[in-house]
Amino acid sequence: TNRSPKESTKGKRGEASVLHLELSLVVDVGIVGLPNAGKSTLLNALTSARSRVGAYPFTTLEPELGDLYGYILADIPGLTLGAAKGKGLGHKFLRHIQKTKMLLHCIALTDEDVKESYETVRRELAAFDATLLDRVEWVVLTKADLVDTETMTNARAAVQKKSETILVVSDKNAASVKRLRDELAAYLRSL
């Protein structure tokens, strides 16, 4: 037995490398929409998240996460026209949408053209990754407390052919939030 060896091997020069690691969020539901569509308010209403809410565009600068009965929801910062090509902040966050099982597409009922708001976000998703259009998508019409019934009906009709599931929600109406929470949880459990 050679208990204290007197032999050795000359060392070699070490190796070095520069790595760029990118973390993508893996979430169950991605909440998408234009800036000020009510995404952060919806996340706060559905979960115990405390995402910052403001009456100006781009209040959310980083994806915010919330827990709904063990399912993770992500509030993706607002997407603008040209986000897939690097305009605004959207290009930075579109990658996170790729890791979602389904999308909640928020559209503010206070928008002048609800159909155009819907289609703008859809075009940006398609420009970034066409497979995103194949995801299950629920349309959530937000800020229902700020419009009349006729505006709500017209908005629902404008996106009716685009999505099978359309829900109208107001953070001031607990029943509408509960309905969305229950339907969403039931759907996620069925997957």
N, C-alpha and C. Protein backbone atom coordinates (compact mmCIF):
# COMPACT_ATOMS: atom_id res chain seq x y z
N THR A 1 0.84 -1.18 0.00
CA THR A 1 0.00 0.00 0.00
C THR A 1 0.88 1.23 0.00
N ASN A 2 0.56 2.14 -0.87
CA ASN A 2 1.34 3.37 -0.98
C ASN A 2 0.59 4.45 -0.19
N ARG A 3 0.89 4.56 1.12
CA ARG A 3 0.14 5.45 1.99
C ARG A 3 0.51 6.91 1.82
N SER A 4 1.69 7.23 1.52
CA SER A 4 2.07 8.63 1.28
C SER A 4 2.87 8.67 -0.02
N PRO A 5 2.16 8.78 -1.13
CA PRO A 5 2.85 8.72 -2.43
C PRO A 5 3.78 9.92 -2.63
N LYS A 6 4.85 9.68 -3.28
CA LYS A 6 5.84 10.71 -3.56
C LYS A 6 5.77 11.14 -5.02
N GLU A 7 4.68 10.76 -5.72
CA GLU A 7 4.54 11.10 -7.13
C GLU A 7 3.43 12.13 -7.30
N SER A 8 3.49 12.88 -8.38
CA SER A 8 2.47 13.89 -8.64
C SER A 8 2.36 14.13 -10.13
N THR A 9 1.31 14.79 -10.52
CA THR A 9 1.10 15.14 -11.92
C THR A 9 1.08 16.65 -12.02
N LYS A 10 1.79 17.18 -12.98
CA LYS A 10 1.80 18.62 -13.17
C LYS A 10 0.39 19.07 -13.56
N GLY A 11 -0.03 20.17 -13.00
CA GLY A 11 -1.35 20.72 -13.32
C GLY A 11 -1.38 21.35 -14.71
N LYS A 12 -2.59 21.51 -15.25
CA LYS A 12 -2.76 22.14 -16.56
C LYS A 12 -3.48 23.46 -16.37
N ARG A 13 -3.43 24.25 -17.39
CA ARG A 13 -4.13 25.51 -17.36
C ARG A 13 -5.64 25.24 -17.33
N GLY A 14 -6.36 25.98 -16.50
CA GLY A 14 -7.81 25.79 -16.38
C GLY A 14 -8.57 26.30 -17.60
N GLU A 15 -9.83 25.95 -17.67
CA GLU A 15 -10.69 26.40 -18.76
C GLU A 15 -11.61 27.49 -18.26
N ALA A 16 -11.90 28.43 -19.14
CA ALA A 16 -12.82 29.51 -18.79
C ALA A 16 -13.88 29.64 -19.88
N SER A 17 -15.05 30.06 -19.50
CA SER A 17 -16.11 30.29 -20.49
C SER A 17 -17.06 31.35 -19.96
N VAL A 18 -17.74 31.97 -20.89
CA VAL A 18 -18.75 32.96 -20.55
C VAL A 18 -20.10 32.36 -20.91
N LEU A 19 -20.99 32.31 -19.95
CA LEU A 19 -22.31 31.72 -20.16
C LEU A 19 -23.38 32.78 -20.05
N HIS A 20 -24.39 32.64 -20.86
CA HIS A 20 -25.58 33.50 -20.76
C HIS A 20 -26.75 32.58 -20.47
N LEU A 21 -27.25 32.63 -19.25
CA LEU A 21 -28.37 31.79 -18.84
C LEU A 21 -29.63 32.63 -18.85
N GLU A 22 -30.70 32.06 -19.39
CA GLU A 22 -31.96 32.78 -19.47
C GLU A 22 -33.03 31.95 -18.79
N LEU A 23 -33.70 32.55 -17.83
CA LEU A 23 -34.75 31.86 -17.08
C LEU A 23 -36.10 32.23 -17.66
N SER A 24 -36.87 31.22 -18.03
CA SER A 24 -38.23 31.45 -18.51
C SER A 24 -39.19 30.96 -17.43
N LEU A 25 -40.21 31.74 -17.19
CA LEU A 25 -41.20 31.34 -16.20
C LEU A 25 -42.06 30.22 -16.76
N VAL A 26 -42.31 29.20 -15.97
CA VAL A 26 -43.21 28.13 -16.36
C VAL A 26 -44.47 28.32 -15.51
N VAL A 27 -45.55 28.75 -16.17
CA VAL A 27 -46.77 29.06 -15.45
C VAL A 27 -47.96 28.38 -16.11
N ASP A 28 -49.04 28.29 -15.37
CA ASP A 28 -50.25 27.67 -15.89
C ASP A 28 -51.05 28.63 -16.77
N VAL A 29 -51.18 29.88 -16.31
CA VAL A 29 -52.00 30.85 -17.03
C VAL A 29 -51.21 32.15 -17.20
N GLY A 30 -51.15 32.62 -18.43
CA GLY A 30 -50.53 33.91 -18.72
C GLY A 30 -51.62 34.94 -18.94
N ILE A 31 -51.55 36.05 -18.23
CA ILE A 31 -52.53 37.13 -18.38
C ILE A 31 -51.91 38.17 -19.30
N VAL A 32 -52.50 38.32 -20.51
CA VAL A 32 -51.95 39.21 -21.52
C VAL A 32 -52.96 40.29 -21.89
N GLY A 33 -52.48 41.33 -22.54
CA GLY A 33 -53.34 42.42 -23.00
C GLY A 33 -52.52 43.67 -23.23
N LEU A 34 -53.19 44.69 -23.70
CA LEU A 34 -52.55 45.99 -23.91
C LEU A 34 -52.24 46.63 -22.56
N PRO A 35 -51.39 47.65 -22.52
CA PRO A 35 -51.18 48.36 -21.26
C PRO A 35 -52.50 48.93 -20.74
N ASN A 36 -52.66 48.93 -19.45
CA ASN A 36 -53.85 49.44 -18.76
C ASN A 36 -55.12 48.66 -19.07
N ALA A 37 -54.99 47.37 -19.34
CA ALA A 37 -56.16 46.54 -19.61
C ALA A 37 -56.74 45.95 -18.33
N GLY A 38 -56.06 46.14 -17.20
CA GLY A 38 -56.55 45.61 -15.94
C GLY A 38 -55.95 44.26 -15.57
N LYS A 39 -54.80 43.93 -16.14
CA LYS A 39 -54.17 42.64 -15.89
C LYS A 39 -53.70 42.51 -14.44
N SER A 40 -53.02 43.53 -13.93
CA SER A 40 -52.52 43.48 -12.55
C SER A 40 -53.67 43.47 -11.55
N THR A 41 -54.69 44.25 -11.82
CA THR A 41 -55.86 44.28 -10.94
C THR A 41 -56.51 42.91 -10.92
N LEU A 42 -56.61 42.27 -12.08
CA LEU A 42 -57.20 40.93 -12.16
C LEU A 42 -56.37 39.92 -11.39
N LEU A 43 -55.05 39.96 -11.55
CA LEU A 43 -54.17 39.06 -10.81
C LEU A 43 -54.36 39.23 -9.31
N ASN A 44 -54.42 40.48 -8.85
CA ASN A 44 -54.63 40.75 -7.43
C ASN A 44 -55.99 40.25 -6.95
N ALA A 45 -57.01 40.37 -7.80
CA ALA A 45 -58.36 39.95 -7.41
C ALA A 45 -58.48 38.42 -7.36
N LEU A 46 -57.79 37.73 -8.25
CA LEU A 46 -57.88 36.27 -8.32
C LEU A 46 -56.98 35.58 -7.31
N THR A 47 -55.88 36.21 -6.96
CA THR A 47 -54.90 35.58 -6.07
C THR A 47 -54.58 36.53 -4.92
N SER A 48 -53.66 36.13 -4.09
CA SER A 48 -53.25 37.01 -2.99
C SER A 48 -52.02 37.84 -3.39
N ALA A 49 -51.77 37.94 -4.69
CA ALA A 49 -50.64 38.75 -5.17
C ALA A 49 -50.89 40.22 -4.87
N ARG A 50 -49.83 40.97 -4.78
CA ARG A 50 -49.92 42.41 -4.54
C ARG A 50 -49.14 43.15 -5.63
N SER A 51 -49.58 42.93 -6.84
CA SER A 51 -48.95 43.58 -7.99
C SER A 51 -49.29 45.06 -7.96
N ARG A 52 -48.34 45.89 -8.36
CA ARG A 52 -48.55 47.34 -8.36
C ARG A 52 -49.57 47.70 -9.44
N VAL A 53 -50.53 48.55 -9.07
CA VAL A 53 -51.59 48.98 -9.98
C VAL A 53 -51.54 50.49 -10.08
N GLY A 54 -51.66 51.01 -11.30
CA GLY A 54 -51.64 52.45 -11.51
C GLY A 54 -52.49 52.83 -12.71
N ALA A 55 -52.89 54.07 -12.78
CA ALA A 55 -53.74 54.55 -13.87
C ALA A 55 -52.90 55.11 -15.01
N TYR A 56 -51.79 54.45 -15.30
CA TYR A 56 -50.92 54.88 -16.39
C TYR A 56 -50.29 53.63 -17.01
N PRO A 57 -49.91 53.69 -18.29
CA PRO A 57 -49.33 52.53 -18.96
C PRO A 57 -48.01 52.08 -18.34
N PHE A 58 -47.74 50.80 -18.46
CA PHE A 58 -46.50 50.17 -18.01
C PHE A 58 -46.25 50.33 -16.52
N THR A 59 -47.29 50.15 -15.73
CA THR A 59 -47.11 50.10 -14.28
C THR A 59 -46.32 48.84 -13.93
N THR A 60 -46.63 47.75 -14.62
CA THR A 60 -45.94 46.48 -14.41
C THR A 60 -44.73 46.43 -15.33
N LEU A 61 -43.55 46.33 -14.73
CA LEU A 61 -42.32 46.30 -15.52
C LEU A 61 -41.66 44.93 -15.53
N GLU A 62 -42.09 44.05 -14.66
CA GLU A 62 -41.60 42.68 -14.59
C GLU A 62 -42.81 41.77 -14.44
N PRO A 63 -42.76 40.53 -14.95
CA PRO A 63 -43.89 39.62 -14.75
C PRO A 63 -44.15 39.42 -13.26
N GLU A 64 -45.41 39.48 -12.89
CA GLU A 64 -45.82 39.25 -11.50
C GLU A 64 -46.53 37.91 -11.43
N LEU A 65 -46.29 37.17 -10.36
CA LEU A 65 -46.88 35.84 -10.21
C LEU A 65 -47.89 35.83 -9.07
N GLY A 66 -48.89 34.97 -9.22
CA GLY A 66 -49.88 34.76 -8.18
C GLY A 66 -50.28 33.30 -8.14
N ASP A 67 -50.77 32.84 -7.00
CA ASP A 67 -51.15 31.44 -6.82
C ASP A 67 -52.67 31.32 -6.70
N LEU A 68 -53.27 30.51 -7.57
CA LEU A 68 -54.70 30.25 -7.54
C LEU A 68 -54.89 28.76 -7.30
N TYR A 69 -55.13 28.38 -6.05
CA TYR A 69 -55.34 26.98 -5.67
C TYR A 69 -54.22 26.07 -6.17
N GLY A 70 -52.99 26.54 -6.12
CA GLY A 70 -51.85 25.74 -6.54
C GLY A 70 -51.46 25.92 -8.00
N TYR A 71 -52.22 26.68 -8.74
CA TYR A 71 -51.89 26.98 -10.14
C TYR A 71 -51.27 28.37 -10.20
N ILE A 72 -50.24 28.51 -11.00
CA ILE A 72 -49.51 29.78 -11.07
C ILE A 72 -50.04 30.62 -12.23
N LEU A 73 -50.39 31.88 -11.90
CA LEU A 73 -50.84 32.86 -12.88
C LEU A 73 -49.75 33.91 -13.01
N ALA A 74 -49.48 34.35 -14.24
CA ALA A 74 -48.46 35.37 -14.47
C ALA A 74 -49.07 36.56 -15.18
N ASP A 75 -48.90 37.72 -14.59
CA ASP A 75 -49.31 38.99 -15.20
C ASP A 75 -48.15 39.44 -16.08
N ILE A 76 -48.35 39.32 -17.40
CA ILE A 76 -47.32 39.71 -18.35
C ILE A 76 -47.48 41.20 -18.63
N PRO A 77 -46.44 42.00 -18.51
CA PRO A 77 -46.56 43.44 -18.79
C PRO A 77 -47.18 43.71 -20.16
N GLY A 78 -47.84 44.84 -20.27
CA GLY A 78 -48.60 45.20 -21.47
C GLY A 78 -47.83 45.10 -22.77
N LEU A 79 -48.51 44.55 -23.77
CA LEU A 79 -47.94 44.41 -25.10
C LEU A 79 -48.43 45.57 -25.97
N THR A 80 -47.56 46.12 -26.76
CA THR A 80 -47.94 47.22 -27.63
C THR A 80 -47.71 46.83 -29.08
N LEU A 81 -48.21 47.64 -29.98
CA LEU A 81 -48.01 47.41 -31.40
C LEU A 81 -46.51 47.42 -31.69
N GLY A 82 -46.01 46.34 -32.28
CA GLY A 82 -44.58 46.23 -32.58
C GLY A 82 -43.77 45.54 -31.50
N ALA A 83 -44.41 45.01 -30.46
CA ALA A 83 -43.69 44.37 -29.36
C ALA A 83 -42.87 43.18 -29.83
N ALA A 84 -43.38 42.42 -30.79
CA ALA A 84 -42.66 41.24 -31.28
C ALA A 84 -41.37 41.63 -32.00
N LYS A 85 -41.29 42.88 -32.47
CA LYS A 85 -40.09 43.36 -33.16
C LYS A 85 -39.19 44.16 -32.24
N GLY A 86 -39.51 44.22 -30.94
CA GLY A 86 -38.64 44.90 -29.99
C GLY A 86 -39.14 46.25 -29.51
N LYS A 87 -40.34 46.66 -29.92
CA LYS A 87 -40.87 47.96 -29.47
C LYS A 87 -41.45 47.83 -28.06
N GLY A 88 -41.28 48.88 -27.27
CA GLY A 88 -41.83 48.89 -25.92
C GLY A 88 -41.13 47.86 -25.04
N LEU A 89 -41.84 47.36 -24.06
CA LEU A 89 -41.27 46.37 -23.14
C LEU A 89 -41.68 44.94 -23.50
N GLY A 90 -42.64 44.79 -24.40
CA GLY A 90 -43.22 43.48 -24.69
C GLY A 90 -42.26 42.43 -25.16
N HIS A 91 -41.28 42.80 -26.00
CA HIS A 91 -40.36 41.80 -26.53
C HIS A 91 -39.62 41.06 -25.42
N LYS A 92 -39.42 41.75 -24.32
CA LYS A 92 -38.71 41.16 -23.18
C LYS A 92 -39.56 40.09 -22.49
N PHE A 93 -40.88 40.20 -22.63
CA PHE A 93 -41.77 39.31 -21.88
C PHE A 93 -42.50 38.29 -22.73
N LEU A 94 -42.48 38.45 -24.03
CA LEU A 94 -43.16 37.49 -24.89
C LEU A 94 -42.62 36.08 -24.72
N ARG A 95 -41.34 35.96 -24.39
CA ARG A 95 -40.74 34.64 -24.17
C ARG A 95 -41.46 33.89 -23.06
N HIS A 96 -41.90 34.60 -22.01
CA HIS A 96 -42.54 33.93 -20.89
C HIS A 96 -43.89 33.35 -21.27
N ILE A 97 -44.55 33.94 -22.26
CA ILE A 97 -45.86 33.45 -22.68
C ILE A 97 -45.73 32.07 -23.32
N GLN A 98 -44.58 31.76 -23.88
CA GLN A 98 -44.37 30.46 -24.52
C GLN A 98 -44.48 29.30 -23.53
N LYS A 99 -44.27 29.55 -22.27
CA LYS A 99 -44.29 28.49 -21.26
C LYS A 99 -45.63 28.37 -20.53
N THR A 100 -46.69 28.94 -21.08
CA THR A 100 -48.00 28.89 -20.42
C THR A 100 -48.87 27.81 -21.03
N LYS A 101 -49.82 27.32 -20.23
CA LYS A 101 -50.78 26.33 -20.72
C LYS A 101 -51.97 27.01 -21.38
N MET A 102 -52.34 28.18 -20.88
CA MET A 102 -53.47 28.91 -21.45
C MET A 102 -53.29 30.40 -21.24
N LEU A 103 -54.09 31.20 -21.93
CA LEU A 103 -54.00 32.65 -21.83
C LEU A 103 -55.32 33.24 -21.38
N LEU A 104 -55.24 34.23 -20.50
CA LEU A 104 -56.38 35.09 -20.19
C LEU A 104 -56.08 36.41 -20.89
N HIS A 105 -56.87 36.73 -21.88
CA HIS A 105 -56.63 37.93 -22.68
C HIS A 105 -57.53 39.03 -22.16
N CYS A 106 -56.95 39.99 -21.46
CA CYS A 106 -57.71 41.10 -20.86
C CYS A 106 -57.88 42.23 -21.86
N ILE A 107 -59.12 42.70 -21.97
CA ILE A 107 -59.43 43.86 -22.81
C ILE A 107 -60.28 44.80 -21.97
N ALA A 108 -59.85 46.05 -21.87
CA ALA A 108 -60.59 47.04 -21.10
C ALA A 108 -61.83 47.47 -21.88
N LEU A 109 -62.97 47.44 -21.23
CA LEU A 109 -64.21 47.88 -21.87
C LEU A 109 -64.19 49.37 -22.17
N THR A 110 -63.25 50.08 -21.58
CA THR A 110 -63.13 51.52 -21.82
C THR A 110 -62.35 51.82 -23.10
N ASP A 111 -61.78 50.80 -23.75
CA ASP A 111 -61.08 51.01 -25.02
C ASP A 111 -62.07 51.46 -26.08
N GLU A 112 -61.60 52.33 -26.98
CA GLU A 112 -62.47 52.83 -28.04
C GLU A 112 -62.91 51.73 -28.99
N ASP A 113 -61.99 50.84 -29.35
CA ASP A 113 -62.29 49.76 -30.28
C ASP A 113 -61.81 48.45 -29.67
N VAL A 114 -62.73 47.74 -29.04
CA VAL A 114 -62.42 46.50 -28.34
C VAL A 114 -61.87 45.44 -29.30
N LYS A 115 -62.49 45.36 -30.48
CA LYS A 115 -62.05 44.37 -31.47
C LYS A 115 -60.61 44.64 -31.90
N GLU A 116 -60.26 45.90 -32.14
CA GLU A 116 -58.90 46.25 -32.54
C GLU A 116 -57.90 45.98 -31.41
N SER A 117 -58.31 46.24 -30.16
CA SER A 117 -57.44 45.94 -29.01
C SER A 117 -57.14 44.44 -28.96
N TYR A 118 -58.18 43.65 -29.18
CA TYR A 118 -58.03 42.19 -29.19
C TYR A 118 -57.08 41.76 -30.31
N GLU A 119 -57.32 42.26 -31.50
CA GLU A 119 -56.54 41.83 -32.65
C GLU A 119 -55.09 42.33 -32.60
N THR A 120 -54.85 43.48 -32.00
CA THR A 120 -53.48 43.98 -31.86
C THR A 120 -52.62 43.00 -31.06
N VAL A 121 -53.14 42.56 -29.94
CA VAL A 121 -52.38 41.61 -29.10
C VAL A 121 -52.21 40.29 -29.83
N ARG A 122 -53.25 39.83 -30.51
CA ARG A 122 -53.17 38.56 -31.24
C ARG A 122 -52.12 38.64 -32.36
N ARG A 123 -52.05 39.77 -33.04
CA ARG A 123 -51.05 39.92 -34.10
C ARG A 123 -49.64 39.88 -33.53
N GLU A 124 -49.45 40.51 -32.37
CA GLU A 124 -48.12 40.50 -31.75
C GLU A 124 -47.74 39.09 -31.29
N LEU A 125 -48.69 38.36 -30.75
CA LEU A 125 -48.42 36.97 -30.34
C LEU A 125 -48.03 36.14 -31.56
N ALA A 126 -48.79 36.30 -32.66
CA ALA A 126 -48.51 35.53 -33.89
C ALA A 126 -47.17 35.91 -34.48
N ALA A 127 -46.82 37.19 -34.45
CA ALA A 127 -45.54 37.65 -35.01
C ALA A 127 -44.37 37.09 -34.21
N PHE A 128 -44.56 36.93 -32.92
CA PHE A 128 -43.49 36.39 -32.08
C PHE A 128 -43.37 34.88 -32.23
N ASP A 129 -44.52 34.18 -32.13
CA ASP A 129 -44.54 32.72 -32.21
C ASP A 129 -45.96 32.29 -32.58
N ALA A 130 -46.12 31.81 -33.80
CA ALA A 130 -47.46 31.46 -34.31
C ALA A 130 -48.15 30.39 -33.49
N THR A 131 -47.39 29.55 -32.77
CA THR A 131 -48.01 28.49 -31.97
C THR A 131 -48.77 29.05 -30.76
N LEU A 132 -48.50 30.30 -30.40
CA LEU A 132 -49.21 30.91 -29.28
C LEU A 132 -50.70 31.06 -29.58
N LEU A 133 -51.05 31.16 -30.86
CA LEU A 133 -52.46 31.30 -31.22
C LEU A 133 -53.23 29.99 -31.05
N ASP A 134 -52.51 28.88 -30.89
CA ASP A 134 -53.16 27.58 -30.69
C ASP A 134 -53.49 27.33 -29.23
N ARG A 135 -53.00 28.16 -28.33
CA ARG A 135 -53.29 27.98 -26.90
C ARG A 135 -54.74 28.27 -26.59
N VAL A 136 -55.24 27.65 -25.56
CA VAL A 136 -56.58 27.97 -25.07
C VAL A 136 -56.55 29.41 -24.61
N GLU A 137 -57.53 30.19 -25.05
CA GLU A 137 -57.57 31.61 -24.72
C GLU A 137 -58.97 31.99 -24.25
N TRP A 138 -59.02 32.59 -23.09
CA TRP A 138 -60.28 33.15 -22.60
C TRP A 138 -60.17 34.67 -22.69
N VAL A 139 -61.21 35.30 -23.18
CA VAL A 139 -61.24 36.75 -23.23
C VAL A 139 -61.91 37.25 -21.96
N VAL A 140 -61.24 38.16 -21.27
CA VAL A 140 -61.80 38.76 -20.05
C VAL A 140 -61.97 40.25 -20.31
N LEU A 141 -63.22 40.67 -20.38
CA LEU A 141 -63.53 42.09 -20.57
C LEU A 141 -63.53 42.74 -19.20
N THR A 142 -62.59 43.63 -18.97
CA THR A 142 -62.39 44.23 -17.65
C THR A 142 -62.99 45.63 -17.56
N LYS A 143 -62.99 46.17 -16.36
CA LYS A 143 -63.48 47.53 -16.06
C LYS A 143 -64.96 47.69 -16.40
N ALA A 144 -65.73 46.65 -16.11
CA ALA A 144 -67.17 46.66 -16.40
C ALA A 144 -67.91 47.72 -15.60
N ASP A 145 -67.35 48.13 -14.47
CA ASP A 145 -68.02 49.14 -13.64
C ASP A 145 -67.94 50.54 -14.25
N LEU A 146 -67.12 50.72 -15.29
CA LEU A 146 -66.94 52.04 -15.88
C LEU A 146 -67.75 52.27 -17.16
N VAL A 147 -68.50 51.26 -17.59
CA VAL A 147 -69.28 51.39 -18.84
C VAL A 147 -70.73 50.97 -18.61
N ASP A 148 -71.58 51.33 -19.57
CA ASP A 148 -72.99 50.96 -19.48
C ASP A 148 -73.22 49.58 -20.11
N THR A 149 -74.44 49.07 -19.98
CA THR A 149 -74.79 47.74 -20.46
C THR A 149 -74.66 47.64 -21.98
N GLU A 150 -75.02 48.69 -22.69
CA GLU A 150 -74.94 48.67 -24.15
C GLU A 150 -73.49 48.51 -24.62
N THR A 151 -72.58 49.22 -23.99
CA THR A 151 -71.16 49.12 -24.34
C THR A 151 -70.66 47.70 -24.08
N MET A 152 -71.09 47.11 -22.96
CA MET A 152 -70.70 45.75 -22.63
C MET A 152 -71.19 44.76 -23.68
N THR A 153 -72.46 44.91 -24.09
CA THR A 153 -73.06 44.03 -25.08
C THR A 153 -72.35 44.15 -26.42
N ASN A 154 -72.06 45.37 -26.84
CA ASN A 154 -71.36 45.60 -28.11
C ASN A 154 -69.95 45.01 -28.07
N ALA A 155 -69.27 45.16 -26.95
CA ALA A 155 -67.91 44.63 -26.81
C ALA A 155 -67.92 43.11 -26.87
N ARG A 156 -68.87 42.52 -26.18
CA ARG A 156 -68.99 41.05 -26.20
C ARG A 156 -69.24 40.56 -27.62
N ALA A 157 -70.11 41.25 -28.34
CA ALA A 157 -70.42 40.87 -29.72
C ALA A 157 -69.21 41.03 -30.63
N ALA A 158 -68.37 42.02 -30.38
CA ALA A 158 -67.20 42.28 -31.21
C ALA A 158 -66.18 41.15 -31.15
N VAL A 159 -66.08 40.49 -30.00
CA VAL A 159 -65.10 39.40 -29.86
C VAL A 159 -65.75 38.02 -29.78
N GLN A 160 -67.06 37.95 -29.94
CA GLN A 160 -67.79 36.69 -29.81
C GLN A 160 -67.26 35.60 -30.74
N LYS A 161 -66.98 35.93 -31.98
CA LYS A 161 -66.52 34.94 -32.95
C LYS A 161 -65.06 34.58 -32.75
N LYS A 162 -64.35 35.34 -31.96
CA LYS A 162 -62.92 35.14 -31.77
C LYS A 162 -62.59 34.15 -30.65
N SER A 163 -63.43 34.07 -29.64
CA SER A 163 -63.15 33.23 -28.48
C SER A 163 -64.42 32.55 -28.00
N GLU A 164 -64.28 31.31 -27.56
CA GLU A 164 -65.43 30.57 -27.05
C GLU A 164 -65.82 31.06 -25.66
N THR A 165 -64.86 31.42 -24.86
CA THR A 165 -65.13 31.84 -23.48
C THR A 165 -64.86 33.33 -23.34
N ILE A 166 -65.92 34.07 -23.03
CA ILE A 166 -65.82 35.51 -22.81
C ILE A 166 -66.45 35.82 -21.46
N LEU A 167 -65.70 36.43 -20.58
CA LEU A 167 -66.20 36.77 -19.26
C LEU A 167 -66.07 38.27 -19.04
N VAL A 168 -67.06 38.85 -18.39
CA VAL A 168 -67.04 40.28 -18.07
C VAL A 168 -66.76 40.39 -16.57
N VAL A 169 -65.75 41.18 -16.22
CA VAL A 169 -65.30 41.26 -14.84
C VAL A 169 -65.09 42.71 -14.42
N SER A 170 -65.37 42.97 -13.16
CA SER A 170 -65.04 44.24 -12.54
C SER A 170 -64.48 43.95 -11.16
N ASP A 171 -63.39 44.60 -10.80
CA ASP A 171 -62.84 44.37 -9.46
C ASP A 171 -63.77 44.90 -8.37
N LYS A 172 -64.74 45.73 -8.77
CA LYS A 172 -65.73 46.25 -7.81
C LYS A 172 -66.90 45.29 -7.61
N ASN A 173 -66.98 44.25 -8.46
CA ASN A 173 -68.07 43.28 -8.40
C ASN A 173 -67.48 41.93 -8.00
N ALA A 174 -67.59 41.60 -6.73
CA ALA A 174 -66.99 40.37 -6.21
C ALA A 174 -67.58 39.12 -6.87
N ALA A 175 -68.85 39.17 -7.25
CA ALA A 175 -69.49 38.01 -7.88
C ALA A 175 -68.85 37.69 -9.23
N SER A 176 -68.50 38.71 -10.01
CA SER A 176 -67.88 38.47 -11.32
C SER A 176 -66.48 37.89 -11.16
N VAL A 177 -65.75 38.35 -10.17
CA VAL A 177 -64.41 37.83 -9.90
C VAL A 177 -64.49 36.39 -9.42
N LYS A 178 -65.45 36.10 -8.54
CA LYS A 178 -65.63 34.74 -8.03
C LYS A 178 -66.00 33.78 -9.16
N ARG A 179 -66.87 34.23 -10.06
CA ARG A 179 -67.26 33.38 -11.19
C ARG A 179 -66.04 33.03 -12.04
N LEU A 180 -65.20 34.03 -12.35
CA LEU A 180 -63.99 33.79 -13.13
C LEU A 180 -63.05 32.86 -12.38
N ARG A 181 -62.86 33.10 -11.10
CA ARG A 181 -61.96 32.27 -10.28
C ARG A 181 -62.43 30.81 -10.28
N ASP A 182 -63.73 30.60 -10.07
CA ASP A 182 -64.28 29.24 -10.02
C ASP A 182 -64.17 28.53 -11.37
N GLU A 183 -64.52 29.24 -12.45
CA GLU A 183 -64.46 28.62 -13.78
C GLU A 183 -63.02 28.32 -14.18
N LEU A 184 -62.11 29.22 -13.85
CA LEU A 184 -60.71 29.01 -14.18
C LEU A 184 -60.13 27.83 -13.40
N ALA A 185 -60.42 27.78 -12.11
CA ALA A 185 -59.92 26.66 -11.29
C ALA A 185 -60.49 25.33 -11.79
N ALA A 186 -61.77 25.31 -12.12
CA ALA A 186 -62.40 24.07 -12.62
C ALA A 186 -61.75 23.64 -13.94
N TYR A 187 -61.47 24.60 -14.81
CA TYR A 187 -60.84 24.27 -16.08
C TYR A 187 -59.42 23.74 -15.87
N LEU A 188 -58.64 24.39 -15.03
CA LEU A 188 -57.27 23.95 -14.79
C LEU A 188 -57.23 22.57 -14.14
N ARG A 189 -58.19 22.27 -13.29
CA ARG A 189 -58.24 20.95 -12.68
C ARG A 189 -58.57 19.87 -13.70
N SER A 190 -59.30 20.25 -14.76
CA SER A 190 -59.70 19.26 -15.77
C SER A 190 -58.57 18.93 -16.75
N LEU A 191 -57.49 19.70 -16.75
CA LEU A 191 -56.38 19.44 -17.69
C LEU A 191 -55.60 18.22 -17.32
